[in-house]
């Protein structure tokens, strides 16, 4: 397994518990939008604690970017990531599958599960191919929404927010379930991209298939 030690160039706050890490890009390192790698903190006792994170930059960018939710109450890897500063180092490994874009469709994300879609949607916007794509994004509260302004700019009316624990103007206050999908989607012959907590992915994938989606058209992280 290849391993690359990279220096953190910048750390930016995205939401109250999500940070963007901009790091050096190893020479010859490449990926497809939607792919991921295993990341470890280059600190004694943490080098072997690898966790998967999706690239949120574009492959042609001169740097790598990760957008990561920090769980301070777990005391684990993301907590350690949250303590890092520019100049600290990460360990990156092989690039692997995750979610790959297959054509226009509906992206359905729960919380930090939106991260595999960030690079894909940025790529489509840059290529002028965003037409025909939508994002249904479920969060607990409005303060949890990752990159709200960027998604609105890219997708316009194709960006739909749902909140499960808050009533907030401009947002739908309900869960994404079978009835919601039936109301919001008229064509179940298109592609669907689903990412979030395992129970969310299982429920949405099952609902899509019950509503007539081809199982081969439902793409999720494996």
N, C-alpha and C. Protein backbone atom coordinates (compact mmCIF):
# COMPACT_ATOMS: atom_id res chain seq x y z
N UNK A 1 0.84 -1.20 0.00
CA UNK A 1 0.00 0.00 0.00
C UNK A 1 0.88 1.25 0.00
N UNK A 2 0.60 2.14 -0.95
CA UNK A 2 1.39 3.37 -0.99
C UNK A 2 1.01 4.28 0.17
N UNK A 3 1.97 5.07 0.60
CA UNK A 3 1.73 6.04 1.67
C UNK A 3 2.43 7.34 1.32
N UNK A 4 1.73 8.45 1.50
CA UNK A 4 2.29 9.76 1.20
C UNK A 4 2.12 10.66 2.43
N UNK A 5 3.20 11.27 2.85
CA UNK A 5 3.13 12.24 3.93
C UNK A 5 2.96 13.62 3.31
N UNK A 6 1.88 14.31 3.66
CA UNK A 6 1.60 15.62 3.06
C UNK A 6 1.41 16.67 4.16
N UNK A 7 1.82 17.87 3.83
CA UNK A 7 1.71 18.98 4.78
C UNK A 7 0.39 19.71 4.60
N UNK A 8 -0.22 20.10 5.70
CA UNK A 8 -1.45 20.88 5.65
C UNK A 8 -1.10 22.34 5.34
N UNK A 9 -1.72 22.88 4.29
CA UNK A 9 -1.46 24.26 3.89
C UNK A 9 -2.42 25.23 4.58
N UNK A 10 -3.71 24.84 4.59
CA UNK A 10 -4.73 25.70 5.21
C UNK A 10 -5.81 24.84 5.86
N UNK A 11 -6.42 25.39 6.89
CA UNK A 11 -7.59 24.78 7.52
C UNK A 11 -8.66 25.87 7.62
N UNK A 12 -9.84 25.59 7.11
CA UNK A 12 -10.91 26.59 7.09
C UNK A 12 -12.16 26.00 7.74
N UNK A 13 -12.89 26.83 8.46
CA UNK A 13 -14.13 26.40 9.09
C UNK A 13 -15.25 26.47 8.05
N UNK A 14 -16.00 25.38 7.89
CA UNK A 14 -17.11 25.32 6.94
C UNK A 14 -18.44 25.48 7.66
N UNK A 15 -18.63 24.73 8.75
CA UNK A 15 -19.78 24.89 9.63
C UNK A 15 -19.25 24.81 11.06
N UNK A 16 -20.16 24.77 12.02
CA UNK A 16 -19.74 24.72 13.43
C UNK A 16 -18.94 23.46 13.75
N UNK A 17 -19.12 22.39 12.97
CA UNK A 17 -18.37 21.16 13.28
C UNK A 17 -17.76 20.51 12.04
N UNK A 18 -17.60 21.27 10.96
CA UNK A 18 -16.99 20.77 9.73
C UNK A 18 -15.83 21.67 9.33
N UNK A 19 -14.70 21.06 8.98
CA UNK A 19 -13.52 21.81 8.57
C UNK A 19 -13.05 21.37 7.19
N UNK A 20 -12.49 22.32 6.46
CA UNK A 20 -11.88 22.04 5.16
C UNK A 20 -10.36 22.03 5.34
N UNK A 21 -9.73 20.93 4.90
CA UNK A 21 -8.28 20.79 4.98
C UNK A 21 -7.70 20.87 3.57
N UNK A 22 -6.84 21.85 3.34
CA UNK A 22 -6.13 21.99 2.06
C UNK A 22 -4.72 21.48 2.29
N UNK A 23 -4.33 20.45 1.53
CA UNK A 23 -3.02 19.82 1.76
C UNK A 23 -2.24 19.72 0.45
N UNK A 24 -0.95 19.52 0.59
CA UNK A 24 -0.09 19.34 -0.59
C UNK A 24 -0.54 18.10 -1.37
N UNK A 25 -0.35 18.15 -2.69
CA UNK A 25 -0.71 17.03 -3.55
C UNK A 25 0.56 16.32 -4.00
N UNK A 26 0.71 15.05 -3.66
CA UNK A 26 1.91 14.31 -4.07
C UNK A 26 2.02 14.26 -5.60
N UNK A 27 3.22 14.27 -6.09
CA UNK A 27 3.45 14.21 -7.53
C UNK A 27 2.87 12.91 -8.10
N UNK A 28 2.11 13.03 -9.18
CA UNK A 28 1.55 11.86 -9.83
C UNK A 28 0.30 11.30 -9.17
N UNK A 29 -0.16 11.92 -8.10
CA UNK A 29 -1.33 11.44 -7.37
C UNK A 29 -2.59 11.90 -8.10
N UNK A 30 -3.48 11.00 -8.45
CA UNK A 30 -4.67 11.39 -9.20
C UNK A 30 -5.89 10.60 -8.72
N UNK A 31 -7.06 11.16 -8.99
CA UNK A 31 -8.31 10.53 -8.56
C UNK A 31 -9.43 10.99 -9.49
N UNK A 32 -10.55 10.29 -9.41
CA UNK A 32 -11.76 10.67 -10.13
C UNK A 32 -12.73 11.26 -9.11
N UNK A 33 -13.42 12.33 -9.48
CA UNK A 33 -14.38 12.96 -8.56
C UNK A 33 -15.33 11.91 -7.99
N UNK A 34 -15.45 11.90 -6.66
CA UNK A 34 -16.27 10.92 -5.96
C UNK A 34 -15.44 9.86 -5.27
N UNK A 35 -14.15 9.78 -5.63
CA UNK A 35 -13.28 8.78 -5.00
C UNK A 35 -12.73 9.27 -3.66
N UNK A 36 -12.12 8.33 -2.94
CA UNK A 36 -11.65 8.60 -1.58
C UNK A 36 -10.29 7.97 -1.35
N UNK A 37 -9.73 8.27 -0.18
CA UNK A 37 -8.51 7.61 0.26
C UNK A 37 -8.59 7.46 1.78
N UNK A 38 -7.70 6.66 2.33
CA UNK A 38 -7.62 6.55 3.77
C UNK A 38 -6.61 7.56 4.28
N UNK A 39 -7.00 8.27 5.34
CA UNK A 39 -6.19 9.35 5.89
C UNK A 39 -5.84 9.03 7.34
N UNK A 40 -4.61 9.29 7.72
CA UNK A 40 -4.19 9.16 9.11
C UNK A 40 -3.44 10.42 9.52
N UNK A 41 -3.44 10.69 10.82
CA UNK A 41 -2.71 11.83 11.35
C UNK A 41 -1.27 11.42 11.58
N UNK A 42 -0.33 12.20 11.06
CA UNK A 42 1.09 11.89 11.22
C UNK A 42 1.55 12.36 12.61
N UNK A 43 1.13 11.61 13.60
CA UNK A 43 1.45 11.92 14.99
C UNK A 43 1.63 10.60 15.74
N UNK A 44 2.56 10.53 16.62
CA UNK A 44 2.85 9.29 17.33
C UNK A 44 1.58 8.70 17.94
N UNK A 45 1.35 7.42 17.64
CA UNK A 45 0.19 6.72 18.16
C UNK A 45 -1.03 6.78 17.26
N UNK A 46 -0.95 7.62 16.21
CA UNK A 46 -2.11 7.79 15.32
C UNK A 46 -1.80 7.41 13.87
N UNK A 47 -0.55 7.06 13.58
CA UNK A 47 -0.17 6.78 12.18
C UNK A 47 -0.94 5.61 11.56
N UNK A 48 -1.35 4.65 12.37
CA UNK A 48 -2.04 3.48 11.84
C UNK A 48 -3.56 3.57 11.96
N UNK A 49 -4.03 4.69 12.49
CA UNK A 49 -5.48 4.87 12.63
C UNK A 49 -6.01 5.55 11.36
N UNK A 50 -6.23 4.75 10.32
CA UNK A 50 -6.65 5.28 9.03
C UNK A 50 -8.18 5.33 8.93
N UNK A 51 -8.68 6.43 8.33
CA UNK A 51 -10.12 6.57 8.13
C UNK A 51 -10.37 7.05 6.69
N UNK A 52 -11.45 6.58 6.06
CA UNK A 52 -11.73 6.99 4.67
C UNK A 52 -12.34 8.38 4.59
N UNK A 53 -11.80 9.19 3.69
CA UNK A 53 -12.36 10.51 3.42
C UNK A 53 -12.33 10.77 1.93
N UNK A 54 -13.38 11.41 1.43
CA UNK A 54 -13.50 11.70 0.01
C UNK A 54 -12.77 12.98 -0.35
N UNK A 55 -12.17 12.99 -1.52
CA UNK A 55 -11.56 14.23 -2.03
C UNK A 55 -12.69 15.20 -2.40
N UNK A 56 -12.60 16.44 -1.95
CA UNK A 56 -13.61 17.42 -2.35
C UNK A 56 -13.05 18.45 -3.32
N UNK A 57 -11.77 18.34 -3.64
CA UNK A 57 -11.17 19.16 -4.69
C UNK A 57 -11.40 18.49 -6.03
N UNK A 58 -10.93 19.12 -7.10
CA UNK A 58 -10.94 18.51 -8.42
C UNK A 58 -9.56 17.93 -8.71
N UNK A 59 -9.49 16.91 -9.52
CA UNK A 59 -8.21 16.26 -9.79
C UNK A 59 -7.20 17.24 -10.37
N UNK A 60 -7.67 18.20 -11.18
CA UNK A 60 -6.73 19.14 -11.81
C UNK A 60 -6.25 20.25 -10.88
N UNK A 61 -6.83 20.33 -9.69
CA UNK A 61 -6.37 21.35 -8.73
C UNK A 61 -4.94 21.05 -8.29
N UNK A 62 -4.17 22.08 -7.97
CA UNK A 62 -2.77 21.87 -7.56
C UNK A 62 -2.63 21.34 -6.14
N UNK A 63 -3.74 21.28 -5.41
CA UNK A 63 -3.72 20.80 -4.04
C UNK A 63 -4.81 19.75 -3.86
N UNK A 64 -4.83 19.09 -2.72
CA UNK A 64 -5.91 18.19 -2.35
C UNK A 64 -6.75 18.86 -1.27
N UNK A 65 -8.03 18.57 -1.28
CA UNK A 65 -8.93 19.15 -0.28
C UNK A 65 -9.82 18.05 0.30
N UNK A 66 -9.99 18.10 1.61
CA UNK A 66 -10.91 17.21 2.31
C UNK A 66 -11.86 18.07 3.14
N UNK A 67 -13.13 17.74 3.13
CA UNK A 67 -14.12 18.46 3.94
C UNK A 67 -14.64 17.46 4.97
N UNK A 68 -14.29 17.67 6.23
CA UNK A 68 -14.44 16.62 7.25
C UNK A 68 -15.25 17.11 8.45
N UNK A 69 -16.22 16.28 8.85
CA UNK A 69 -16.98 16.58 10.06
C UNK A 69 -16.17 16.13 11.27
N UNK A 70 -16.02 17.02 12.23
CA UNK A 70 -15.22 16.75 13.42
C UNK A 70 -16.12 16.27 14.56
N UNK A 71 -15.84 15.07 15.07
CA UNK A 71 -16.61 14.53 16.19
C UNK A 71 -15.75 14.63 17.45
N UNK A 72 -15.86 15.74 18.15
CA UNK A 72 -15.02 15.95 19.33
C UNK A 72 -15.42 15.05 20.50
N UNK A 73 -16.66 14.58 20.51
CA UNK A 73 -17.10 13.76 21.63
C UNK A 73 -16.63 12.32 21.53
N UNK A 74 -16.08 11.93 20.38
CA UNK A 74 -15.63 10.55 20.19
C UNK A 74 -14.18 10.33 20.63
N UNK A 75 -13.38 11.40 20.63
CA UNK A 75 -11.97 11.27 21.01
C UNK A 75 -11.17 10.46 20.01
N UNK A 76 -11.67 10.36 18.77
CA UNK A 76 -11.01 9.55 17.77
C UNK A 76 -10.24 10.35 16.74
N UNK A 77 -10.20 9.82 15.52
CA UNK A 77 -9.39 10.43 14.46
C UNK A 77 -9.87 11.82 14.10
N UNK A 78 -11.18 12.01 13.95
CA UNK A 78 -11.63 13.36 13.55
C UNK A 78 -11.37 14.38 14.66
N UNK A 79 -11.42 13.94 15.91
CA UNK A 79 -11.05 14.84 17.01
C UNK A 79 -9.59 15.27 16.86
N UNK A 80 -8.72 14.31 16.55
CA UNK A 80 -7.31 14.63 16.34
C UNK A 80 -7.13 15.57 15.14
N UNK A 81 -7.89 15.32 14.07
CA UNK A 81 -7.83 16.21 12.91
C UNK A 81 -8.24 17.63 13.30
N UNK A 82 -9.23 17.74 14.18
CA UNK A 82 -9.70 19.05 14.61
C UNK A 82 -8.67 19.82 15.42
N UNK A 83 -7.68 19.13 15.96
CA UNK A 83 -6.63 19.78 16.76
C UNK A 83 -5.46 20.26 15.90
N UNK A 84 -5.41 19.83 14.65
CA UNK A 84 -4.27 20.13 13.80
C UNK A 84 -4.26 21.59 13.34
N UNK A 85 -3.08 22.03 12.94
CA UNK A 85 -2.88 23.39 12.44
C UNK A 85 -2.08 23.33 11.14
N UNK A 86 -2.13 24.40 10.34
CA UNK A 86 -1.30 24.44 9.13
C UNK A 86 0.16 24.15 9.47
N UNK A 87 0.79 23.32 8.65
CA UNK A 87 2.17 22.89 8.91
C UNK A 87 2.23 21.48 9.46
N UNK A 88 1.15 21.03 10.10
CA UNK A 88 1.09 19.64 10.55
C UNK A 88 0.94 18.73 9.33
N UNK A 89 1.10 17.42 9.54
CA UNK A 89 1.11 16.50 8.40
C UNK A 89 0.07 15.39 8.51
N UNK A 90 -0.38 14.95 7.33
CA UNK A 90 -1.29 13.81 7.23
C UNK A 90 -0.63 12.71 6.43
N UNK A 91 -1.12 11.49 6.60
CA UNK A 91 -0.66 10.35 5.81
C UNK A 91 -1.80 9.91 4.90
N UNK A 92 -1.55 9.91 3.59
CA UNK A 92 -2.54 9.49 2.61
C UNK A 92 -2.15 8.15 2.03
N UNK A 93 -3.16 7.40 1.58
CA UNK A 93 -2.90 6.07 1.02
C UNK A 93 -3.50 5.93 -0.37
N UNK A 94 -3.77 4.69 -0.78
CA UNK A 94 -4.28 4.45 -2.13
C UNK A 94 -5.63 5.13 -2.34
N UNK A 95 -5.87 5.48 -3.60
CA UNK A 95 -7.18 6.00 -4.00
C UNK A 95 -8.09 4.81 -4.27
N UNK A 96 -9.35 4.90 -3.85
CA UNK A 96 -10.27 3.79 -4.08
C UNK A 96 -11.64 4.28 -4.51
N UNK A 97 -12.47 3.35 -4.95
CA UNK A 97 -13.74 3.54 -5.64
C UNK A 97 -14.71 4.59 -5.17
N UNK A 98 -15.40 4.34 -4.08
CA UNK A 98 -16.46 5.20 -3.58
C UNK A 98 -17.54 5.41 -4.65
N UNK A 99 -17.97 6.66 -4.85
CA UNK A 99 -19.10 6.93 -5.74
C UNK A 99 -18.61 7.56 -7.05
N UNK A 100 -19.08 7.01 -8.18
CA UNK A 100 -18.66 7.52 -9.48
C UNK A 100 -19.87 8.03 -10.26
N UNK A 101 -19.72 9.17 -10.90
CA UNK A 101 -20.80 9.78 -11.68
C UNK A 101 -21.07 8.97 -12.94
N UNK A 102 -22.34 8.63 -13.17
CA UNK A 102 -22.71 7.83 -14.34
C UNK A 102 -23.63 8.56 -15.31
N UNK A 103 -24.09 9.75 -14.91
CA UNK A 103 -24.98 10.52 -15.76
C UNK A 103 -25.93 11.35 -14.93
N UNK A 104 -26.68 12.26 -15.56
CA UNK A 104 -27.59 13.15 -14.84
C UNK A 104 -28.57 12.40 -13.95
N UNK A 105 -28.87 12.98 -12.81
CA UNK A 105 -29.80 12.34 -11.90
C UNK A 105 -29.97 13.12 -10.62
N UNK A 106 -30.41 12.43 -9.59
CA UNK A 106 -30.70 13.04 -8.30
C UNK A 106 -29.69 12.56 -7.26
N UNK A 107 -29.02 13.51 -6.63
CA UNK A 107 -28.10 13.23 -5.53
C UNK A 107 -28.89 13.37 -4.23
N UNK A 108 -28.80 12.37 -3.38
CA UNK A 108 -29.55 12.38 -2.12
C UNK A 108 -28.56 12.16 -0.98
N UNK A 109 -28.44 13.14 -0.12
CA UNK A 109 -27.40 13.10 0.92
C UNK A 109 -27.97 13.34 2.30
N UNK A 110 -27.41 12.64 3.27
CA UNK A 110 -27.73 12.86 4.67
C UNK A 110 -26.50 13.38 5.40
N UNK A 111 -26.56 14.62 5.88
CA UNK A 111 -25.46 15.20 6.65
C UNK A 111 -24.13 15.22 5.92
N UNK A 112 -23.08 14.75 6.62
CA UNK A 112 -21.74 14.74 6.03
C UNK A 112 -21.62 13.78 4.86
N UNK A 113 -22.68 13.00 4.61
CA UNK A 113 -22.69 12.13 3.45
C UNK A 113 -22.67 12.88 2.14
N UNK A 114 -22.81 14.20 2.20
CA UNK A 114 -22.77 15.00 0.97
C UNK A 114 -21.35 15.12 0.42
N UNK A 115 -20.34 14.81 1.22
CA UNK A 115 -18.96 15.09 0.79
C UNK A 115 -18.55 14.41 -0.51
N UNK A 116 -18.96 13.15 -0.81
CA UNK A 116 -18.57 12.58 -2.10
C UNK A 116 -19.16 13.32 -3.29
N UNK A 117 -20.25 14.07 -3.04
CA UNK A 117 -20.92 14.77 -4.13
C UNK A 117 -20.29 16.13 -4.43
N UNK A 118 -19.48 16.65 -3.49
CA UNK A 118 -18.93 18.00 -3.66
C UNK A 118 -18.05 18.08 -4.90
N UNK A 119 -17.10 17.17 -5.02
CA UNK A 119 -16.19 17.20 -6.17
C UNK A 119 -16.94 16.92 -7.46
N UNK A 120 -17.91 15.99 -7.40
CA UNK A 120 -18.68 15.65 -8.61
C UNK A 120 -19.45 16.87 -9.10
N UNK A 121 -20.15 17.55 -8.21
CA UNK A 121 -20.95 18.71 -8.62
C UNK A 121 -20.07 19.87 -9.07
N UNK A 122 -18.93 20.05 -8.42
CA UNK A 122 -17.98 21.08 -8.87
C UNK A 122 -17.47 20.76 -10.27
N UNK A 123 -17.18 19.48 -10.51
CA UNK A 123 -16.70 19.06 -11.82
C UNK A 123 -17.76 19.33 -12.89
N UNK A 124 -19.01 18.96 -12.61
CA UNK A 124 -20.09 19.16 -13.57
C UNK A 124 -20.31 20.64 -13.86
N UNK A 125 -20.22 21.47 -12.80
CA UNK A 125 -20.39 22.92 -12.99
C UNK A 125 -19.28 23.48 -13.87
N UNK A 126 -18.06 23.04 -13.62
CA UNK A 126 -16.92 23.53 -14.39
C UNK A 126 -17.02 23.11 -15.85
N UNK A 127 -17.58 21.93 -16.11
CA UNK A 127 -17.70 21.40 -17.47
C UNK A 127 -18.98 21.87 -18.16
N UNK A 128 -19.81 22.63 -17.45
CA UNK A 128 -21.07 23.09 -18.03
C UNK A 128 -22.08 21.97 -18.19
N UNK A 129 -22.02 20.94 -17.32
CA UNK A 129 -22.88 19.77 -17.45
C UNK A 129 -23.78 19.58 -16.23
N UNK A 130 -24.07 20.66 -15.52
CA UNK A 130 -24.86 20.53 -14.30
C UNK A 130 -26.34 20.32 -14.60
N UNK A 131 -26.78 20.69 -15.78
CA UNK A 131 -28.20 20.56 -16.15
C UNK A 131 -28.66 19.11 -16.01
N UNK A 132 -29.85 18.94 -15.43
CA UNK A 132 -30.40 17.60 -15.27
C UNK A 132 -30.04 16.95 -13.95
N UNK A 133 -29.26 17.66 -13.12
CA UNK A 133 -28.87 17.13 -11.82
C UNK A 133 -29.52 17.93 -10.69
N UNK A 134 -29.89 17.23 -9.62
CA UNK A 134 -30.49 17.86 -8.44
C UNK A 134 -29.83 17.30 -7.19
N UNK A 135 -29.94 18.05 -6.09
CA UNK A 135 -29.43 17.59 -4.80
C UNK A 135 -30.52 17.74 -3.75
N UNK A 136 -30.92 16.62 -3.17
CA UNK A 136 -31.81 16.60 -2.01
C UNK A 136 -30.93 16.36 -0.79
N UNK A 137 -30.90 17.34 0.12
CA UNK A 137 -29.92 17.32 1.20
C UNK A 137 -30.62 17.41 2.55
N UNK A 138 -30.48 16.37 3.37
CA UNK A 138 -31.12 16.32 4.68
C UNK A 138 -30.12 16.60 5.79
N UNK A 139 -30.50 17.52 6.69
CA UNK A 139 -29.68 17.84 7.86
C UNK A 139 -30.57 17.99 9.09
N UNK A 140 -29.96 17.97 10.25
CA UNK A 140 -30.73 18.14 11.48
C UNK A 140 -31.22 19.58 11.61
N UNK A 141 -30.31 20.56 11.47
CA UNK A 141 -30.68 21.97 11.58
C UNK A 141 -30.00 22.77 10.47
N UNK A 142 -30.40 24.02 10.30
CA UNK A 142 -29.85 24.86 9.24
C UNK A 142 -28.36 25.12 9.42
N UNK A 143 -27.89 25.14 10.66
CA UNK A 143 -26.46 25.41 10.88
C UNK A 143 -25.57 24.23 10.48
N UNK A 144 -26.21 23.06 10.24
CA UNK A 144 -25.44 21.87 9.85
C UNK A 144 -25.21 21.77 8.34
N UNK A 145 -25.84 22.64 7.56
CA UNK A 145 -25.79 22.51 6.10
C UNK A 145 -24.40 22.87 5.57
N UNK A 146 -23.75 21.91 4.95
CA UNK A 146 -22.40 22.10 4.40
C UNK A 146 -22.48 22.76 3.03
N UNK A 147 -21.72 23.84 2.85
CA UNK A 147 -21.59 24.52 1.56
C UNK A 147 -22.93 24.94 0.95
N UNK A 148 -23.82 25.44 1.78
CA UNK A 148 -25.15 25.84 1.30
C UNK A 148 -25.08 26.85 0.17
N UNK A 149 -24.29 27.90 0.33
CA UNK A 149 -24.22 28.95 -0.69
C UNK A 149 -23.64 28.41 -2.01
N UNK A 150 -22.63 27.55 -1.92
CA UNK A 150 -22.03 27.01 -3.14
C UNK A 150 -23.01 26.10 -3.88
N UNK A 151 -23.73 25.27 -3.15
CA UNK A 151 -24.71 24.39 -3.80
C UNK A 151 -25.84 25.20 -4.43
N UNK A 152 -26.25 26.28 -3.75
CA UNK A 152 -27.30 27.13 -4.32
C UNK A 152 -26.83 27.78 -5.61
N UNK A 153 -25.59 28.21 -5.63
CA UNK A 153 -25.04 28.84 -6.82
C UNK A 153 -24.94 27.84 -7.97
N UNK A 154 -24.51 26.63 -7.67
CA UNK A 154 -24.33 25.61 -8.71
C UNK A 154 -25.66 25.09 -9.23
N UNK A 155 -26.60 24.80 -8.30
CA UNK A 155 -27.82 24.08 -8.66
C UNK A 155 -29.08 24.93 -8.72
N UNK A 156 -29.07 26.10 -8.11
CA UNK A 156 -30.27 26.93 -8.10
C UNK A 156 -31.44 26.20 -7.47
N UNK A 157 -32.57 26.16 -8.20
CA UNK A 157 -33.77 25.50 -7.69
C UNK A 157 -33.59 23.99 -7.58
N UNK A 158 -32.52 23.47 -8.15
CA UNK A 158 -32.25 22.04 -8.06
C UNK A 158 -31.64 21.63 -6.73
N UNK A 159 -31.46 22.59 -5.83
CA UNK A 159 -30.92 22.31 -4.50
C UNK A 159 -32.06 22.39 -3.49
N UNK A 160 -32.41 21.25 -2.88
CA UNK A 160 -33.53 21.18 -1.95
C UNK A 160 -33.01 20.76 -0.58
N UNK A 161 -33.27 21.61 0.43
CA UNK A 161 -32.85 21.31 1.80
C UNK A 161 -34.01 20.77 2.61
N UNK A 162 -33.75 19.76 3.42
CA UNK A 162 -34.74 19.30 4.39
C UNK A 162 -34.09 19.29 5.77
N UNK A 163 -34.85 19.70 6.77
CA UNK A 163 -34.36 19.72 8.14
C UNK A 163 -35.23 18.79 8.99
N UNK A 164 -34.59 17.99 9.82
CA UNK A 164 -35.33 17.02 10.62
C UNK A 164 -35.58 17.47 12.05
N UNK A 165 -34.85 18.50 12.50
CA UNK A 165 -35.01 18.92 13.91
C UNK A 165 -35.21 20.42 14.06
N UNK A 166 -35.64 21.08 12.99
CA UNK A 166 -35.80 22.53 13.08
C UNK A 166 -36.77 23.01 11.99
N UNK A 167 -37.61 23.97 12.35
CA UNK A 167 -38.44 24.66 11.37
C UNK A 167 -37.71 25.94 11.01
N UNK A 168 -37.42 26.12 9.71
CA UNK A 168 -36.64 27.28 9.29
C UNK A 168 -37.13 27.75 7.92
N UNK A 169 -37.32 29.06 7.76
CA UNK A 169 -37.81 29.58 6.47
C UNK A 169 -36.93 29.13 5.30
N UNK A 170 -37.57 28.73 4.21
CA UNK A 170 -36.83 28.33 3.02
C UNK A 170 -36.36 26.89 3.03
N UNK A 171 -36.72 26.16 4.07
CA UNK A 171 -36.32 24.76 4.18
C UNK A 171 -37.55 23.90 4.45
N UNK A 172 -37.53 22.69 3.94
CA UNK A 172 -38.59 21.73 4.21
C UNK A 172 -38.29 21.04 5.53
N UNK A 173 -39.26 21.01 6.43
CA UNK A 173 -39.02 20.40 7.74
C UNK A 173 -39.63 19.00 7.77
N UNK A 174 -38.91 18.04 7.24
CA UNK A 174 -39.34 16.65 7.23
C UNK A 174 -38.19 15.76 6.79
N UNK A 175 -38.35 14.49 7.00
CA UNK A 175 -37.32 13.54 6.60
C UNK A 175 -37.47 13.16 5.13
N UNK A 176 -36.36 12.78 4.52
CA UNK A 176 -36.43 12.23 3.17
C UNK A 176 -36.81 10.76 3.30
N UNK A 177 -38.03 10.43 2.87
CA UNK A 177 -38.50 9.06 2.91
C UNK A 177 -39.24 8.74 1.61
N UNK A 178 -39.91 7.63 1.57
CA UNK A 178 -40.57 7.20 0.34
C UNK A 178 -41.59 8.22 -0.15
N UNK A 179 -42.40 8.76 0.77
CA UNK A 179 -43.41 9.73 0.37
C UNK A 179 -42.78 11.02 -0.16
N UNK A 180 -41.71 11.45 0.50
CA UNK A 180 -41.00 12.66 0.06
C UNK A 180 -40.45 12.46 -1.34
N UNK A 181 -39.82 11.32 -1.58
CA UNK A 181 -39.25 11.03 -2.89
C UNK A 181 -40.34 10.98 -3.96
N UNK A 182 -41.47 10.40 -3.62
CA UNK A 182 -42.58 10.31 -4.56
C UNK A 182 -43.11 11.69 -4.94
N UNK A 183 -43.10 12.61 -3.97
CA UNK A 183 -43.58 13.97 -4.22
C UNK A 183 -42.59 14.80 -5.04
N UNK A 184 -41.30 14.60 -4.79
CA UNK A 184 -40.27 15.46 -5.37
C UNK A 184 -39.71 14.96 -6.70
N UNK A 185 -39.92 13.67 -6.99
CA UNK A 185 -39.30 13.08 -8.18
C UNK A 185 -40.39 12.50 -9.09
N UNK A 186 -40.39 12.91 -10.35
CA UNK A 186 -41.39 12.41 -11.29
C UNK A 186 -40.85 11.31 -12.20
N UNK A 187 -39.53 11.25 -12.32
CA UNK A 187 -38.91 10.28 -13.23
C UNK A 187 -37.97 9.35 -12.45
N UNK A 188 -38.36 8.11 -12.31
CA UNK A 188 -37.53 7.16 -11.56
C UNK A 188 -36.68 6.29 -12.48
N UNK A 189 -36.56 6.72 -13.75
CA UNK A 189 -35.70 5.99 -14.68
C UNK A 189 -34.31 6.60 -14.76
N UNK A 190 -34.08 7.71 -14.04
CA UNK A 190 -32.79 8.38 -14.07
C UNK A 190 -31.83 7.76 -13.04
N UNK A 191 -30.63 8.32 -12.97
CA UNK A 191 -29.65 7.86 -11.99
C UNK A 191 -29.94 8.48 -10.63
N UNK A 192 -29.59 7.73 -9.58
CA UNK A 192 -29.70 8.23 -8.21
C UNK A 192 -28.38 7.95 -7.49
N UNK A 193 -27.92 8.95 -6.75
CA UNK A 193 -26.67 8.84 -5.99
C UNK A 193 -27.01 9.07 -4.52
N UNK A 194 -26.72 8.09 -3.69
CA UNK A 194 -27.16 8.15 -2.29
C UNK A 194 -25.97 7.99 -1.36
N UNK A 195 -25.87 8.89 -0.37
CA UNK A 195 -24.77 8.78 0.59
C UNK A 195 -25.18 9.42 1.92
N UNK A 196 -24.80 8.78 2.99
CA UNK A 196 -25.12 9.25 4.34
C UNK A 196 -24.92 8.12 5.32
N UNK A 197 -25.49 8.22 6.51
CA UNK A 197 -25.42 7.10 7.47
C UNK A 197 -25.98 5.83 6.84
N UNK A 198 -25.49 4.68 7.26
CA UNK A 198 -25.88 3.41 6.64
C UNK A 198 -27.39 3.21 6.61
N UNK A 199 -28.08 3.53 7.71
CA UNK A 199 -29.53 3.35 7.76
C UNK A 199 -30.23 4.25 6.75
N UNK A 200 -29.69 5.46 6.56
CA UNK A 200 -30.23 6.42 5.59
C UNK A 200 -30.10 5.85 4.18
N UNK A 201 -28.91 5.36 3.86
CA UNK A 201 -28.65 4.80 2.52
C UNK A 201 -29.54 3.60 2.26
N UNK A 202 -29.69 2.73 3.25
CA UNK A 202 -30.52 1.54 3.08
C UNK A 202 -31.98 1.91 2.88
N UNK A 203 -32.47 2.87 3.67
CA UNK A 203 -33.88 3.27 3.57
C UNK A 203 -34.17 3.95 2.23
N UNK A 204 -33.28 4.86 1.82
CA UNK A 204 -33.50 5.59 0.57
C UNK A 204 -33.38 4.64 -0.62
N UNK A 205 -32.37 3.78 -0.61
CA UNK A 205 -32.19 2.83 -1.72
C UNK A 205 -33.40 1.92 -1.85
N UNK A 206 -33.91 1.43 -0.73
CA UNK A 206 -35.09 0.56 -0.74
C UNK A 206 -36.31 1.31 -1.27
N UNK A 207 -36.49 2.55 -0.82
CA UNK A 207 -37.64 3.35 -1.26
C UNK A 207 -37.57 3.63 -2.75
N UNK A 208 -36.39 3.96 -3.25
CA UNK A 208 -36.23 4.23 -4.68
C UNK A 208 -36.61 3.02 -5.52
N UNK A 209 -36.16 1.85 -5.08
CA UNK A 209 -36.48 0.63 -5.82
C UNK A 209 -37.97 0.32 -5.78
N UNK A 210 -38.61 0.58 -4.64
CA UNK A 210 -40.06 0.36 -4.53
C UNK A 210 -40.82 1.32 -5.44
N UNK A 211 -40.25 2.49 -5.69
CA UNK A 211 -40.89 3.49 -6.54
C UNK A 211 -40.58 3.31 -8.02
N UNK A 212 -39.81 2.27 -8.33
CA UNK A 212 -39.58 1.94 -9.73
C UNK A 212 -38.19 2.18 -10.26
N UNK A 213 -37.28 2.64 -9.40
CA UNK A 213 -35.91 2.87 -9.87
C UNK A 213 -35.22 1.54 -10.18
N UNK A 214 -34.46 1.51 -11.25
CA UNK A 214 -33.67 0.33 -11.60
C UNK A 214 -32.56 0.18 -10.56
N UNK A 215 -32.45 -0.97 -9.91
CA UNK A 215 -31.38 -1.15 -8.91
C UNK A 215 -30.00 -0.79 -9.43
N UNK A 216 -29.75 -1.01 -10.72
CA UNK A 216 -28.45 -0.68 -11.30
C UNK A 216 -28.24 0.83 -11.45
N UNK A 217 -29.32 1.61 -11.33
CA UNK A 217 -29.20 3.06 -11.48
C UNK A 217 -29.02 3.77 -10.15
N UNK A 218 -29.10 2.99 -9.05
CA UNK A 218 -28.93 3.57 -7.71
C UNK A 218 -27.47 3.36 -7.29
N UNK A 219 -26.73 4.46 -7.18
CA UNK A 219 -25.30 4.41 -6.90
C UNK A 219 -25.07 4.82 -5.45
N UNK A 220 -24.38 3.98 -4.69
CA UNK A 220 -24.06 4.32 -3.32
C UNK A 220 -22.67 3.80 -2.98
N UNK A 221 -22.13 4.32 -1.88
CA UNK A 221 -20.78 3.96 -1.48
C UNK A 221 -20.76 2.52 -0.97
N UNK A 222 -19.81 1.73 -1.45
CA UNK A 222 -19.71 0.34 -1.01
C UNK A 222 -18.37 0.09 -0.33
